[in-house]
Each structure stands twice: as C-alpha cells, then as structure tokens.
Amino acid sequence: MLAAPPTRGEAVSQANDPQMDTADVVRRWVQEIFNDRNLSAADDLMGDTYVEHAVAPFGTEEPGPMNGPEGMRRTAAWLIDQFPDMHMTIEAIVAQGDLVACRVLSTGTNLGMLNGVMPPTGRQFSARQTHWFRVENGRLVEHWATREDLPAMIQLGVIAPPGPPRA
C-alpha cells in the first residue's frame, strides 16, 4: 500500500490505518531525530532490540543487533557532528505489512571530522538513500539501507571523480 507523504496543508490521518502508522514511525525518525536533532525521540521510535544491516561508509561489516535507542542516538550524533546542517527530505514512502521503505534526499555541509578520521572539507553534499525498516509494535526494529556514498564522497572532495589519466 502506497503511503505518500502529506502535501502542504494536508493532515495525516492515522485513524484505523496500520499502514499509515508504520510509515508515520519512519517519518518521525527522519523529522524528529535527524531534522529536529531530538535524539531523545529514539526512546519512543526504536525497539529495545534493533538489527542494523546498513554498513557505514568505508565500513566492511553490518553492525548487527544492538540496543535500538542507544544505537540510534550514537548514529545520529555521529552524522550530525560531521554535518551540523544536515537535512533529510522523504521523497517517497511505501508501507506494506510490517515493512516500510523510503527514498530520502540528504543534504549537508561537512564541518566536523569526516567519518571520525578526516579533517572537515567544508564542502556540501546532496545524495539519496533508500531506507527499509521493519516495524514491530510501533517501533523500528530492523534497518537496511542503500546510499549514494560515491557521489557524496566526490562532492565532498574525498574521492576524485573518475576520468582519463592526467598527463
């Protein structure tokens, strides 16, 4: 069932619509944790046990099971420290059963240590991701993601764009 984000001025009705409820949890994850920087919202949105399948940029392994609220606060703080002006926009969202998928456009300026190891570039990025969640009892309990890490790293000046060898 397609659950499109509300348009300007349109109210979100959740009455007797479990698909809207699961999609709304993901909308709140984007808005409250990342855009509003309300890391305590993780306590309401994340399951106590949470399985993270998304590998971090330059990472090699899935983080796996963790404490949901604690892990999300840590992840959000890590991103916000790198990109204090980061903003996420949900471009599309779909819910079916206990699964929710969304396409997100993220933008920001790298003003903190990139990935915890590189000096800030001061450059901006704009990149899309897809996030898939499993929702249980109104909380996020599992996550998968695909991200445009290569275009983001090129925009940030971390990786040179491919091209012919320089003479």
Foldseek 3Di string as FASTA:
>chain_A
DWDWDDDPPDDQDPPPPVQSLLQVLVVCLQCVCAVVVPLVCQVVAADQWAAFQEAPVVGDGTPGIDGRSVVSSVVNVVVCQQFVNKHKDWPTWGGDDQKIKTKIKIKGAGCHAVVVPHHGLRFMFIWIKMKMFGDDPSHTHYIYMDIPPVRRCCRSVNDPDDDDDDD
